[in-house]
């Protein structure tokens, strides 16, 4: 069975300035390779055979770099947005999506086992599967918990509060396309509200390996610092 992936690479990379002044965010380098090339290599390693890159900002530069994918032994094609469509909107422009496919942001570094993630989604017959990462919020103060009479009921000194965030990596059944308006902005948040409202509840798989969203200068600089570690993890 051919494995299909859609990589969302249409954003302007505003948060990553000044690195994205002259380059589209997917072509910002980490070590010797652009971030999007690293993602493509990882997907090929996990047996993905067809990758569609959703593009908008500086689309011609991305097309020129990746071509048809021959260099990486994978089929690459493109879906061009005439206007920004947010994260889920671009999916309605792709006419040949299979029953189940991977969708991911084009600025994510992770050692997630994409093959297992793909196959578990299909095995469980999920409509939408979210790969999640647990973050820890460190509170530098003593937290006071009071009741309605302003009486202190408990006290926690500098708590650590865990919470799960989306990694920007999803497995999708094409049934979700019915919720996405054609050629209109429609984000991940819109889809989650609609799926929950209609009782088509997504599944969440919490991942505890390496994950970094290269969306801000601090995160990008962290990826540069992690370069040697990443080379070993990904076998570059």
Protein backbone atom coordinates (compact mmCIF):
# COMPACT_ATOMS: atom_id res chain seq x y z
CA UNK A 1 0.00 0.00 0.00
CA UNK A 2 1.35 3.41 -1.00
CA UNK A 3 1.78 5.76 1.92
CA UNK A 4 0.77 9.37 1.24
CA UNK A 5 1.82 12.47 3.16
CA UNK A 6 0.81 16.11 2.85
CA UNK A 7 3.34 18.65 4.14
CA UNK A 8 1.99 22.11 4.94
CA UNK A 9 4.60 24.59 3.70
CA UNK A 10 2.61 27.65 2.67
CA UNK A 11 3.26 29.95 5.62
CA UNK A 12 5.33 33.13 5.52
CA UNK A 13 7.47 32.22 8.53
CA UNK A 14 6.80 35.60 10.14
CA UNK A 15 7.71 34.38 13.64
CA UNK A 16 11.09 33.15 12.38
CA UNK A 17 12.37 36.49 11.09
CA UNK A 18 15.09 37.53 10.35
CA UNK A 19 15.95 34.02 9.07
CA UNK A 20 13.00 34.03 6.67
CA UNK A 21 13.56 37.45 5.08
CA UNK A 22 15.20 35.96 1.98
CA UNK A 23 14.24 32.27 2.29
CA UNK A 24 10.91 30.51 2.72
CA UNK A 25 10.79 28.87 6.14
CA UNK A 26 10.92 25.27 4.74
CA UNK A 27 14.32 26.05 3.17
CA UNK A 28 15.94 27.48 6.31
CA UNK A 29 18.95 25.21 6.91
CA UNK A 30 19.74 23.03 9.89
CA UNK A 31 23.35 22.04 9.45
CA UNK A 32 23.79 21.13 5.79
CA UNK A 33 20.12 20.57 4.89
CA UNK A 34 16.91 22.62 4.77
CA UNK A 35 14.34 21.63 7.36
CA UNK A 36 11.89 20.41 4.70
CA UNK A 37 14.52 18.20 3.08
CA UNK A 38 15.17 16.61 6.48
CA UNK A 39 11.44 15.91 6.87
CA UNK A 40 11.23 14.36 3.41
CA UNK A 41 14.21 12.10 4.12
CA UNK A 42 12.59 10.95 7.37
CA UNK A 43 9.29 10.19 5.62
CA UNK A 44 11.04 8.23 2.88
CA UNK A 45 12.85 6.25 5.57
CA UNK A 46 9.42 5.34 6.97
CA UNK A 47 8.23 4.07 3.56
CA UNK A 48 6.19 7.05 2.37
CA UNK A 49 6.12 6.96 -1.43
CA UNK A 50 4.07 10.05 -2.38
CA UNK A 51 4.42 13.49 -0.79
CA UNK A 52 2.28 16.50 -1.65
CA UNK A 53 3.68 19.84 -0.54
CA UNK A 54 1.03 22.53 0.03
CA UNK A 55 2.66 25.83 -0.97
CA UNK A 56 1.81 29.52 -1.17
CA UNK A 57 4.51 31.96 -0.05
CA UNK A 58 7.62 31.84 -2.30
CA UNK A 59 6.17 28.75 -3.94
CA UNK A 60 8.45 28.85 -6.99
CA UNK A 61 11.59 28.60 -4.83
CA UNK A 62 10.26 25.50 -3.05
CA UNK A 63 9.24 23.88 -6.36
CA UNK A 64 12.64 24.59 -7.87
CA UNK A 65 14.48 22.99 -4.94
CA UNK A 66 12.44 19.79 -4.57
CA UNK A 67 11.27 19.20 -8.14
CA UNK A 68 9.52 15.87 -8.62
CA UNK A 69 11.39 14.16 -5.77
CA UNK A 70 13.72 11.99 -7.87
CA UNK A 71 16.72 12.96 -5.74
CA UNK A 72 15.07 11.33 -2.70
CA UNK A 73 13.45 8.42 -4.58
CA UNK A 74 9.92 9.61 -3.79
CA UNK A 75 7.10 11.16 -5.80
CA UNK A 76 6.67 14.84 -4.93
CA UNK A 77 3.87 17.01 -6.24
CA UNK A 78 2.40 20.33 -5.15
CA UNK A 79 -0.86 21.98 -4.19
CA UNK A 80 -0.76 25.74 -4.74
CA UNK A 81 -2.89 28.07 -2.62
CA UNK A 82 -3.81 31.37 -4.25
CA UNK A 83 -4.38 32.77 -0.75
CA UNK A 84 -3.53 31.59 2.78
CA UNK A 85 -5.93 28.80 3.79
CA UNK A 86 -4.58 28.05 7.30
CA UNK A 87 -3.71 24.47 8.28
CA UNK A 88 -6.63 22.32 7.12
CA UNK A 89 -8.01 24.45 4.27
CA UNK A 90 -5.34 23.31 1.77
CA UNK A 91 -6.58 19.71 1.96
CA UNK A 92 -9.73 20.58 -0.02
CA UNK A 93 -7.57 21.63 -2.98
CA UNK A 94 -5.95 18.18 -3.33
CA UNK A 95 -8.18 16.02 -5.57
CA UNK A 96 -6.58 12.58 -5.26
CA UNK A 97 -6.21 12.03 -1.51
CA UNK A 98 -6.43 8.37 -0.40
CA UNK A 99 -8.72 7.08 2.33
CA UNK A 100 -6.08 7.73 5.03
CA UNK A 101 -3.02 9.96 4.86
CA UNK A 102 -0.49 11.84 6.98
CA UNK A 103 -0.62 15.62 7.37
CA UNK A 104 2.20 17.55 9.02
CA UNK A 105 3.67 21.00 9.33
CA UNK A 106 6.78 21.68 7.30
CA UNK A 107 8.83 22.98 10.23
CA UNK A 108 8.79 20.05 12.68
CA UNK A 109 11.75 17.93 13.77
CA UNK A 110 10.98 14.67 15.55
CA UNK A 111 12.08 11.05 15.86
CA UNK A 112 8.46 9.89 15.94
CA UNK A 113 7.99 6.48 14.30
CA UNK A 114 5.81 7.68 11.43
CA UNK A 115 5.21 4.16 10.17
CA UNK A 116 3.74 3.01 13.50
CA UNK A 117 1.70 6.22 13.79
CA UNK A 118 0.27 5.64 10.30
CA UNK A 119 -0.54 1.97 10.81
CA UNK A 120 -2.08 2.40 14.29
CA UNK A 121 -4.45 5.03 12.93
CA UNK A 122 -5.66 2.66 10.23
CA UNK A 123 -5.89 -0.30 12.61
CA UNK A 124 -8.03 1.73 15.05
CA UNK A 125 -10.16 3.16 12.19
CA UNK A 126 -9.84 6.68 13.57
CA UNK A 127 -11.26 9.66 11.74
CA UNK A 128 -8.40 11.86 12.97
CA UNK A 129 -5.33 11.06 15.07
CA UNK A 130 -3.18 13.73 16.72
CA UNK A 131 0.42 13.17 17.71
CA UNK A 132 0.84 15.06 21.00
CA UNK A 133 3.78 16.06 23.15
CA UNK A 134 3.75 16.67 26.89
CA UNK A 135 5.09 20.06 27.92
CA UNK A 136 5.79 21.14 31.49
CA UNK A 137 4.90 24.62 32.73
CA UNK A 138 7.13 25.73 35.61
CA UNK A 139 5.39 28.18 37.95
CA UNK A 140 7.87 30.33 39.88
CA UNK A 141 5.42 31.24 42.63
CA UNK A 142 3.49 29.57 45.40
CA UNK A 143 0.00 28.77 44.11
CA UNK A 144 -2.99 29.43 46.41
CA UNK A 145 -6.16 27.39 45.93
CA UNK A 146 -9.19 28.97 47.64
CA UNK A 147 -12.86 28.13 47.97
CA UNK A 148 -15.77 30.50 47.35
CA UNK A 149 -15.34 32.07 50.82
CA UNK A 150 -11.74 33.06 50.09
CA UNK A 151 -10.49 30.41 52.50
CA UNK A 152 -7.17 28.80 51.59
CA UNK A 153 -7.79 25.12 50.95
CA UNK A 154 -4.40 24.05 49.59
CA UNK A 155 -1.02 25.48 48.77
CA UNK A 156 1.51 24.31 46.18
CA UNK A 157 5.03 25.76 46.14
CA UNK A 158 6.35 26.31 42.59
CA UNK A 159 4.32 23.55 40.92
CA UNK A 160 5.13 21.84 37.64
CA UNK A 161 2.00 21.69 35.49
CA UNK A 162 1.99 19.14 32.64
CA UNK A 163 -0.15 19.66 29.54
CA UNK A 164 -0.34 18.06 26.09
CA UNK A 165 0.14 20.03 22.87
CA UNK A 166 -0.33 19.10 19.25
CA UNK A 167 2.95 18.29 17.50
CA UNK A 168 1.61 19.47 14.15
CA UNK A 169 1.51 15.86 12.92
CA UNK A 170 -1.78 14.14 12.15
CA UNK A 171 -3.22 11.02 10.56
CA UNK A 172 -6.38 11.84 8.67
CA UNK A 173 -9.29 9.92 7.22
CA UNK A 174 -10.75 11.70 4.21
CA UNK A 175 -14.19 11.83 5.89
CA UNK A 176 -13.00 15.05 7.54
CA UNK A 177 -13.05 16.80 4.14
CA UNK A 178 -16.80 17.25 4.51
CA UNK A 179 -16.13 19.79 7.27
CA UNK A 180 -13.60 21.87 5.31
CA UNK A 181 -15.01 24.70 3.17
CA UNK A 182 -13.60 24.94 -0.35
CA UNK A 183 -11.00 27.67 -0.93
CA UNK A 184 -11.63 29.30 2.46
CA UNK A 185 -9.31 29.60 5.47
CA UNK A 186 -9.99 26.75 7.90
CA UNK A 187 -7.59 25.80 10.66
CA UNK A 188 -6.82 22.87 12.90
CA UNK A 189 -8.75 24.63 15.66
CA UNK A 190 -11.86 24.94 13.46
CA UNK A 191 -11.71 21.25 12.61
CA UNK A 192 -11.29 20.19 16.24
CA UNK A 193 -14.35 22.23 17.27
CA UNK A 194 -16.39 20.73 14.43
CA UNK A 195 -15.32 17.14 15.09
CA UNK A 196 -16.03 17.40 18.81
CA UNK A 197 -19.38 19.10 18.18
CA UNK A 198 -20.47 16.30 15.84
CA UNK A 199 -19.13 13.59 18.18
CA UNK A 200 -16.43 12.53 15.69
CA UNK A 201 -13.85 12.67 18.45
CA UNK A 202 -10.18 12.59 17.39
CA UNK A 203 -7.72 10.26 19.10
CA UNK A 204 -4.59 11.62 20.79
CA UNK A 205 -1.31 9.67 20.93
CA UNK A 206 1.19 11.16 23.39
CA UNK A 207 4.80 10.90 22.23
CA UNK A 208 7.78 11.18 24.59
CA UNK A 209 10.73 11.27 22.20
CA UNK A 210 12.39 14.24 20.48
CA UNK A 211 10.17 17.01 19.10
CA UNK A 212 10.96 20.58 18.16
CA UNK A 213 8.77 23.06 16.30
CA UNK A 214 11.12 25.37 14.36
CA UNK A 215 8.69 28.29 14.51
CA UNK A 216 10.61 30.93 16.48
CA UNK A 217 14.24 32.09 16.49
CA UNK A 218 14.89 30.48 19.90
CA UNK A 219 13.63 27.11 18.66
CA UNK A 220 15.60 27.37 15.43
CA UNK A 221 18.77 28.16 17.36
CA UNK A 222 18.03 25.15 19.58
CA UNK A 223 17.88 22.93 16.49
CA UNK A 224 21.30 24.23 15.43
CA UNK A 225 22.66 23.38 18.89
CA UNK A 226 21.08 19.92 18.63
CA UNK A 227 22.53 19.26 15.17
CA UNK A 228 25.04 16.57 16.16
CA UNK A 229 22.43 14.86 18.36
CA UNK A 230 19.95 14.97 15.51
CA UNK A 231 22.45 13.52 13.06
CA UNK A 232 22.81 10.48 15.30
CA UNK A 233 19.06 10.14 15.88
CA UNK A 234 18.09 10.38 12.24
CA UNK A 235 21.13 8.74 10.68
CA UNK A 236 22.03 11.68 8.43
